[in-house]
C-alpha atoms as a PDB file:
ATOM      1  CA  MET A   1    -172.846 -90.148 -16.584  1.00  0.00           C
ATOM      2  CA  THR A   2    -176.260 -91.203 -18.697  1.00  0.00           C
ATOM      3  CA  SER A   3    -175.668 -88.547 -21.094  1.00  0.00           C
ATOM      4  CA  PHE A   4    -172.164 -89.281 -21.648  1.00  0.00           C
ATOM      5  CA  ILE A   5    -173.615 -93.150 -21.729  1.00  0.00           C
ATOM      6  CA  LYS A   6    -175.764 -92.238 -24.688  1.00  0.00           C
ATOM      7  CA  LYS A   7    -173.761 -89.684 -26.433  1.00  0.00           C
ATOM      8  CA  PHE A   8    -170.804 -92.076 -26.458  1.00  0.00           C
ATOM      9  CA  ILE A   9    -171.445 -95.656 -25.989  1.00  0.00           C
ATOM     10  CA  LEU A  10    -174.959 -96.475 -26.875  1.00  0.00           C
ATOM     11  CA  PRO A  11    -175.257 -96.673 -30.702  1.00  0.00           C
ATOM     12  CA  LYS A  12    -177.395 -93.683 -32.219  1.00  0.00           C
ATOM     13  CA  GLU A  13    -180.899 -93.908 -32.899  1.00  0.00           C
ATOM     14  CA  VAL A  14    -182.723 -91.917 -35.534  1.00  0.00           C
ATOM     15  CA  ASP A  15    -186.487 -91.771 -35.891  1.00  0.00           C
ATOM     16  CA  PHE A  16    -186.661 -93.281 -40.092  1.00  0.00           C
ATOM     17  CA  ILE A  17    -190.593 -93.507 -40.465  1.00  0.00           C
ATOM     18  CA  SER A  18    -190.764 -89.496 -39.007  1.00  0.00           C
ATOM     19  CA  ALA A  19    -187.822 -88.810 -41.773  1.00  0.00           C
ATOM     20  CA  LEU A  20    -189.506 -90.548 -44.166  1.00  0.00           C
ATOM     21  CA  LEU A  21    -192.879 -88.923 -44.056  1.00  0.00           C
ATOM     22  CA  GLU A  22    -191.366 -85.385 -43.954  1.00  0.00           C
ATOM     23  CA  HIS A  23    -189.985 -86.257 -47.498  1.00  0.00           C
ATOM     24  CA  SER A  24    -193.252 -87.004 -48.253  1.00  0.00           C
ATOM     25  CA  ILE A  25    -194.906 -84.047 -47.599  1.00  0.00           C
ATOM     26  CA  VAL A  26    -193.165 -81.980 -49.489  1.00  0.00           C
ATOM     27  CA  ILE A  27    -193.517 -84.246 -52.519  1.00  0.00           C
ATOM     28  CA  ASP A  28    -196.877 -84.010 -52.470  1.00  0.00           C
ATOM     29  CA  SER A  29    -196.426 -80.039 -51.886  1.00  0.00           C
ATOM     30  CA  ILE A  30    -194.587 -80.371 -55.104  1.00  0.00           C
ATOM     31  CA  VAL A  31    -197.492 -82.132 -56.673  1.00  0.00           C
ATOM     32  CA  ASN A  32    -199.780 -80.365 -55.714  1.00  0.00           C
ATOM     33  CA  ALA A  33    -197.444 -76.651 -57.365  1.00  0.00           C
ATOM     34  CA  LEU A  34    -197.008 -78.774 -60.250  1.00  0.00           C
ATOM     35  CA  TYR A  35    -201.676 -78.767 -60.560  1.00  0.00           C
ATOM     36  CA  LEU A  36    -201.718 -74.677 -59.566  1.00  0.00           C
ATOM     37  CA  CYS A  37    -199.087 -73.523 -61.669  1.00  0.00           C
ATOM     38  CA  PHE A  38    -199.496 -75.167 -64.875  1.00  0.00           C
ATOM     39  CA  ILE A  39    -203.601 -76.612 -64.920  1.00  0.00           C
ATOM     40  CA  ASP A  40    -204.890 -73.667 -62.640  1.00  0.00           C
ATOM     41  CA  ALA A  41    -202.071 -71.455 -64.330  1.00  0.00           C
ATOM     42  CA  LYS A  42    -200.814 -69.590 -61.697  1.00  0.00           C
ATOM     43  CA  GLU A  43    -196.791 -68.868 -62.813  1.00  0.00           C
ATOM     44  CA  GLU A  44    -196.047 -67.992 -59.218  1.00  0.00           C
ATOM     45  CA  ARG A  45    -196.774 -71.454 -58.068  1.00  0.00           C
ATOM     46  CA  CYS A  46    -193.799 -72.489 -61.009  1.00  0.00           C
ATOM     47  CA  GLN A  47    -191.529 -71.306 -58.445  1.00  0.00           C
ATOM     48  CA  ASP A  48    -192.913 -73.227 -55.265  1.00  0.00           C
ATOM     49  CA  ILE A  49    -191.718 -76.377 -57.351  1.00  0.00           C
ATOM     50  CA  LEU A  50    -188.296 -75.111 -57.324  1.00  0.00           C
ATOM     51  CA  ALA A  51    -188.097 -74.038 -54.185  1.00  0.00           C
ATOM     52  CA  ASN A  52    -190.280 -76.927 -52.771  1.00  0.00           C
ATOM     53  CA  GLU A  53    -187.537 -78.989 -54.844  1.00  0.00           C
ATOM     54  CA  ASP A  54    -184.850 -77.479 -53.360  1.00  0.00           C
ATOM     55  CA  GLN A  55    -185.903 -77.979 -50.109  1.00  0.00           C
ATOM     56  CA  ALA A  56    -186.836 -82.047 -51.089  1.00  0.00           C
ATOM     57  CA  GLN A  57    -182.952 -82.137 -51.510  1.00  0.00           C
ATOM     58  CA  SER A  58    -182.032 -80.973 -48.063  1.00  0.00           C
ATOM     59  CA  ILE A  59    -183.994 -83.644 -46.891  1.00  0.00           C
ATOM     60  CA  LYS A  60    -182.742 -86.350 -49.103  1.00  0.00           C
ATOM     61  CA  GLU A  61    -179.089 -85.287 -48.548  1.00  0.00           C
ATOM     62  CA  LYS A  62    -179.968 -84.860 -44.342  1.00  0.00           C
ATOM     63  CA  ASN A  63    -181.695 -88.573 -44.433  1.00  0.00           C
ATOM     64  CA  MET A  64    -178.741 -90.180 -46.275  1.00  0.00           C
ATOM     65  CA  GLY A  65    -176.395 -88.898 -43.835  1.00  0.00           C
ATOM     66  CA  GLU A  66    -177.926 -90.087 -40.925  1.00  0.00           C
ATOM     67  CA  LEU A  67    -178.798 -93.710 -42.821  1.00  0.00           C
ATOM     68  CA  LEU A  68    -175.075 -94.003 -43.216  1.00  0.00           C
ATOM     69  CA  ASN A  69    -173.954 -92.651 -39.726  1.00  0.00           C
ATOM     70  CA  THR A  70    -176.635 -94.392 -37.471  1.00  0.00           C
ATOM     71  CA  PHE A  71    -176.221 -98.538 -36.190  1.00  0.00           C
ATOM     72  CA  ILE A  72    -179.841 -99.524 -35.528  1.00  0.00           C
ATOM     73  CA  THR A  73    -182.727 -99.111 -38.095  1.00  0.00           C
ATOM     74  CA  PRO A  74    -186.125 -99.916 -37.521  1.00  0.00           C
ATOM     75  CA  ILE A  75    -186.184-101.971 -40.762  1.00  0.00           C
ATOM     76  CA  ASP A  76    -183.145-103.268 -42.494  1.00  0.00           C
ATOM     77  CA  ARG A  77    -181.096-100.027 -44.092  1.00  0.00           C
ATOM     78  CA  GLU A  78    -181.480-100.974 -48.019  1.00  0.00           C
ATOM     79  CA  SER A  79    -185.438-100.671 -47.555  1.00  0.00           C
ATOM     80  CA  ILE A  80    -184.854 -96.942 -46.251  1.00  0.00           C
ATOM     81  CA  TYR A  81    -182.756 -96.483 -48.975  1.00  0.00           C
ATOM     82  CA  ARG A  82    -184.997 -97.418 -51.906  1.00  0.00           C
ATOM     83  CA  VAL A  83    -187.327 -94.947 -50.189  1.00  0.00           C
ATOM     84  CA  ILE A  84    -185.363 -92.000 -50.024  1.00  0.00           C
ATOM     85  CA  THR A  85    -184.256 -92.876 -53.502  1.00  0.00           C
ATOM     86  CA  GLN A  86    -187.842 -93.016 -54.740  1.00  0.00           C
ATOM     87  CA  LEU A  87    -188.472 -89.899 -53.294  1.00  0.00           C
ATOM     88  CA  ASP A  88    -186.115 -88.536 -54.571  1.00  0.00           C
ATOM     89  CA  TRP A  89    -186.708 -89.834 -57.894  1.00  0.00           C
ATOM     90  CA  ILE A  90    -190.118 -88.148 -57.676  1.00  0.00           C
ATOM     91  CA  ALA A  91    -188.708 -84.755 -56.981  1.00  0.00           C
ATOM     92  CA  VAL A  92    -186.424 -85.405 -59.768  1.00  0.00           C
ATOM     93  CA  SER A  93    -189.018 -86.272 -62.386  1.00  0.00           C
ATOM     94  CA  ILE A  94    -191.443 -83.231 -61.868  1.00  0.00           C
ATOM     95  CA  ARG A  95    -188.214 -81.112 -62.401  1.00  0.00           C
ATOM     96  CA  HIS A  96    -187.796 -82.604 -65.738  1.00  0.00           C
ATOM     97  CA  PHE A  97    -191.397 -82.102 -66.560  1.00  0.00           C
ATOM     98  CA  VAL A  98    -191.233 -77.786 -65.491  1.00  0.00           C
ATOM     99  CA  LEU A  99    -187.796 -78.052 -67.230  1.00  0.00           C
ATOM    100  CA  GLU A 100    -189.117 -79.774 -70.648  1.00  0.00           C
ATOM    101  CA  ALA A 101    -192.686 -77.350 -70.500  1.00  0.00           C
ATOM    102  CA  LYS A 102    -190.373 -74.234 -70.124  1.00  0.00           C
ATOM    103  CA  ALA A 103    -188.173 -75.146 -72.750  1.00  0.00           C
ATOM    104  CA  TYR A 104    -191.158 -75.234 -75.251  1.00  0.00           C
ATOM    105  CA  LYS A 105    -192.904 -71.676 -73.398  1.00  0.00           C
ATOM    106  CA  ILE A 106    -195.636 -74.021 -72.098  1.00  0.00           C
ATOM    107  CA  CYS A 107    -196.784 -71.744 -69.271  1.00  0.00           C
ATOM    108  CA  SER A 108    -199.942 -73.655 -68.396  1.00  0.00           C
ATOM    109  CA  LEU A 109    -201.713 -76.902 -70.458  1.00  0.00           C
ATOM    110  CA  ASP A 110    -205.166 -76.977 -71.875  1.00  0.00           C
ATOM    111  CA  ASP A 111    -208.052 -79.089 -69.913  1.00  0.00           C
ATOM    112  CA  GLY A 112    -206.922 -82.621 -70.957  1.00  0.00           C
ATOM    113  CA  TYR A 113    -204.280 -82.576 -68.797  1.00  0.00           C
ATOM    114  CA  THR A 114    -206.137 -81.509 -65.743  1.00  0.00           C
ATOM    115  CA  GLU A 115    -207.325 -85.500 -66.092  1.00  0.00           C
ATOM    116  CA  ILE A 116    -203.701 -86.547 -66.134  1.00  0.00           C
ATOM    117  CA  ILE A 117    -202.168 -84.238 -63.401  1.00  0.00           C
ATOM    118  CA  GLY A 118    -204.928 -84.772 -61.263  1.00  0.00           C
ATOM    119  CA  CYS A 119    -204.444 -88.526 -61.759  1.00  0.00           C
ATOM    120  CA  ILE A 120    -200.589 -87.819 -60.037  1.00  0.00           C
ATOM    121  CA  GLN A 121    -201.592 -85.585 -57.363  1.00  0.00           C
ATOM    122  CA  GLN A 122    -204.069 -88.440 -55.742  1.00  0.00           C
ATOM    123  CA  GLN A 123    -201.393 -90.386 -56.249  1.00  0.00           C
ATOM    124  CA  SER A 124    -199.386 -88.220 -54.079  1.00  0.00           C
ATOM    125  CA  LYS A 125    -202.053 -88.282 -51.446  1.00  0.00           C
ATOM    126  CA  SER A 126    -202.397 -91.671 -51.353  1.00  0.00           C
ATOM    127  CA  LEU A 127    -198.235 -91.992 -51.237  1.00  0.00           C
ATOM    128  CA  ASN A 128    -198.202 -89.421 -48.362  1.00  0.00           C
ATOM    129  CA  LEU A 129    -201.276 -90.681 -45.923  1.00  0.00           C
ATOM    130  CA  GLY A 130    -198.936 -94.243 -46.303  1.00  0.00           C
ATOM    131  CA  PHE A 131    -196.438 -92.693 -44.772  1.00  0.00           C
ATOM    132  CA  GLN A 132    -198.985 -91.069 -41.999  1.00  0.00           C
ATOM    133  CA  HIS A 133    -200.230 -94.625 -41.522  1.00  0.00           C
ATOM    134  CA  LEU A 134    -196.991 -96.173 -41.469  1.00  0.00           C
ATOM    135  CA  LYS A 135    -196.312 -94.147 -38.301  1.00  0.00           C
ATOM    136  CA  ASP A 136    -199.167 -95.464 -36.885  1.00  0.00           C
ATOM    137  CA  THR A 137    -197.626 -99.392 -38.142  1.00  0.00           C
ATOM    138  CA  ASP A 138    -201.263 -99.799 -39.422  1.00  0.00           C
ATOM    139  CA  ALA A 139    -200.413-102.337 -42.094  1.00  0.00           C
ATOM    140  CA  LEU A 140    -203.658-103.246 -43.439  1.00  0.00           C
ATOM    141  CA  VAL A 141    -204.167 -99.210 -43.951  1.00  0.00           C
ATOM    142  CA  VAL A 142    -200.516 -98.461 -45.429  1.00  0.00           C
ATOM    143  CA  ALA A 143    -201.528-101.985 -48.265  1.00  0.00           C
ATOM    144  CA  LYS A 144    -204.925 -99.888 -48.799  1.00  0.00           C
ATOM    145  CA  ASN A 145    -202.740 -96.858 -49.732  1.00  0.00           C
ATOM    146  CA  THR A 146    -200.078 -97.809 -51.980  1.00  0.00           C
ATOM    147  CA  GLN A 147    -202.750-100.446 -54.016  1.00  0.00           C
ATOM    148  CA  ASP A 148    -204.783 -96.893 -54.442  1.00  0.00           C
ATOM    149  CA  VAL A 149    -201.100 -95.589 -55.525  1.00  0.00           C
ATOM    150  CA  ARG A 150    -200.961 -98.203 -57.948  1.00  0.00           C
ATOM    151  CA  ASP A 151    -205.095 -98.002 -58.913  1.00  0.00           C
ATOM    152  CA  GLY A 152    -203.993 -93.564 -60.270  1.00  0.00           C
ATOM    153  CA  TYR A 153    -201.173 -95.310 -62.122  1.00  0.00           C
ATOM    154  CA  GLU A 154    -203.080 -97.788 -64.209  1.00  0.00           C
ATOM    155  CA  ALA A 155    -205.986 -95.293 -64.345  1.00  0.00           C
ATOM    156  CA  LEU A 156    -203.253 -92.691 -66.091  1.00  0.00           C
ATOM    157  CA  ILE A 157    -202.235 -95.121 -68.098  1.00  0.00           C
ATOM    158  CA  GLU A 158    -205.498 -95.560 -69.736  1.00  0.00           C
ATOM    159  CA  ILE A 159    -205.605 -91.955 -70.175  1.00  0.00           C
ATOM    160  CA  TYR A 160    -202.139 -91.877 -71.413  1.00  0.00           C
ATOM    161  CA  ILE A 161    -203.103 -94.510 -74.659  1.00  0.00           C
ATOM    162  CA  ALA A 162    -206.631 -92.987 -75.158  1.00  0.00           C
ATOM    163  CA  LYS A 163    -204.092 -89.554 -75.569  1.00  0.00           C
ATOM    164  CA  MET A 164    -201.343 -90.997 -77.679  1.00  0.00           C
ATOM    165  CA  ALA A 165    -203.876 -92.674 -79.997  1.00  0.00           C
ATOM    166  CA  GLU A 166    -205.284 -89.057 -80.787  1.00  0.00           C
ATOM    167  CA  LEU A 167    -201.765 -87.471 -81.795  1.00  0.00           C
ATOM    168  CA  ALA A 168    -201.302 -90.216 -83.807  1.00  0.00           C
ATOM    169  CA  ASP A 169    -203.894 -88.240 -86.150  1.00  0.00           C
ATOM    170  CA  SER A 170    -202.128 -85.211 -86.020  1.00  0.00           C
ATOM    171  CA  SER A 171    -200.720 -83.635 -89.105  1.00  0.00           C
ATOM    172  CA  ASP A 172    -198.863 -80.686 -86.712  1.00  0.00           C
ATOM    173  CA  VAL A 173    -195.726 -82.762 -86.221  1.00  0.00           C
ATOM    174  CA  ARG A 174    -194.588 -80.275 -83.934  1.00  0.00           C
ATOM    175  CA  GLU A 175    -197.291 -79.763 -81.517  1.00  0.00           C
ATOM    176  CA  MET A 176    -197.477 -84.117 -81.564  1.00  0.00           C
ATOM    177  CA  PHE A 177    -193.629 -83.946 -80.878  1.00  0.00           C
ATOM    178  CA  ILE A 178    -194.335 -81.607 -77.561  1.00  0.00           C
ATOM    179  CA  GLN A 179    -197.151 -83.711 -76.519  1.00  0.00           C
ATOM    180  CA  LYS A 180    -195.479 -86.673 -76.428  1.00  0.00           C
ATOM    181  CA  GLU A 181    -193.067 -85.772 -74.817  1.00  0.00           C
ATOM    182  CA  LEU A 182    -194.632 -84.075 -71.780  1.00  0.00           C
ATOM    183  CA  LEU A 183    -196.762 -87.546 -72.106  1.00  0.00           C
ATOM    184  CA  SER A 184    -194.207 -89.491 -71.611  1.00  0.00           C
ATOM    185  CA  GLN A 185    -192.152 -87.040 -68.627  1.00  0.00           C
ATOM    186  CA  LEU A 186    -196.029 -87.314 -66.659  1.00  0.00           C
ATOM    187  CA  LYS A 187    -195.933 -90.859 -66.894  1.00  0.00           C
ATOM    188  CA  GLU A 188    -192.519 -91.581 -65.600  1.00  0.00           C
ATOM    189  CA  ILE A 189    -193.667 -89.451 -62.664  1.00  0.00           C
ATOM    190  CA  SER A 190    -197.075 -91.487 -62.020  1.00  0.00           C
ATOM    191  CA  LYS A 191    -194.393 -94.324 -62.245  1.00  0.00           C
ATOM    192  CA  ARG A 192    -192.138 -93.546 -59.913  1.00  0.00           C
ATOM    193  CA  MET A 193    -194.328 -92.855 -57.267  1.00  0.00           C
ATOM    194  CA  GLN A 194    -196.007 -96.574 -57.819  1.00  0.00           C
ATOM    195  CA  VAL A 195    -192.265 -97.408 -57.364  1.00  0.00           C
ATOM    196  CA  CYS A 196    -192.326 -95.949 -54.400  1.00  0.00           C
ATOM    197  CA  ALA A 197    -195.713 -97.677 -53.041  1.00  0.00           C
ATOM    198  CA  ASN A 198    -194.552-100.576 -54.116  1.00  0.00           C
ATOM    199  CA  SER A 199    -191.199 -99.913 -51.241  1.00  0.00           C
ATOM    200  CA  LEU A 200    -193.443 -98.423 -48.581  1.00  0.00           C
ATOM    201  CA  GLU A 201    -195.583-101.857 -48.491  1.00  0.00           C
ATOM    202  CA  ASP A 202    -192.364-103.454 -48.113  1.00  0.00           C
ATOM    203  CA  ILE A 203    -191.174-101.702 -45.436  1.00  0.00           C
ATOM    204  CA  VAL A 204    -194.841-101.898 -43.747  1.00  0.00           C
ATOM    205  CA  VAL A 205    -194.484-105.734 -44.175  1.00  0.00           C
ATOM    206  CA  LYS A 206    -191.103-105.830 -42.379  1.00  0.00           C
ATOM    207  CA  MET A 207    -192.751-103.927 -39.634  1.00  0.00           C
ATOM    208  CA  SER A 208    -196.003-106.071 -38.909  1.00  0.00           C
END
């Protein structure tokens, strides 16, 4: 009788906090593969990016399906929806960067990009830590993690501006165009990290 009641009468409950953490872990693995692919020039890790993106897409679709079919959620459905879509946007932005780099036949990036992708890598690590601490409902630690993500974005913007200023003095129009496009894509990834961090902080405030 108890199992019957749970299955057919009681509203379905889903651990969305764990689901979001699972999604963020895969995003972090994509970011790490991005660094290894383009900075360490390990071509095989570029394939890991695409494989992990497929996994991230599957998790997103699963979480969206659960959200549509679940009556009880730990916080409002809109907040969960925002984080699911924003984590997805990070993966999509990385995919766009990889596609553009490959279109320009770029297999590795020079040392000038190490700091930029390193900033994104640190943002991803802080974001993932935020989701881990969300599960413990440790609001102060999550707030610190999300601020670290925002600080990472500001650090990246400073590097971005400096590199764009350097490009402005270049006489090679084709090279300037390619580098500008790649830098813009990396800035977009970092921006998506920041937006997701803001939504994560919104969730922990509502849970506190």
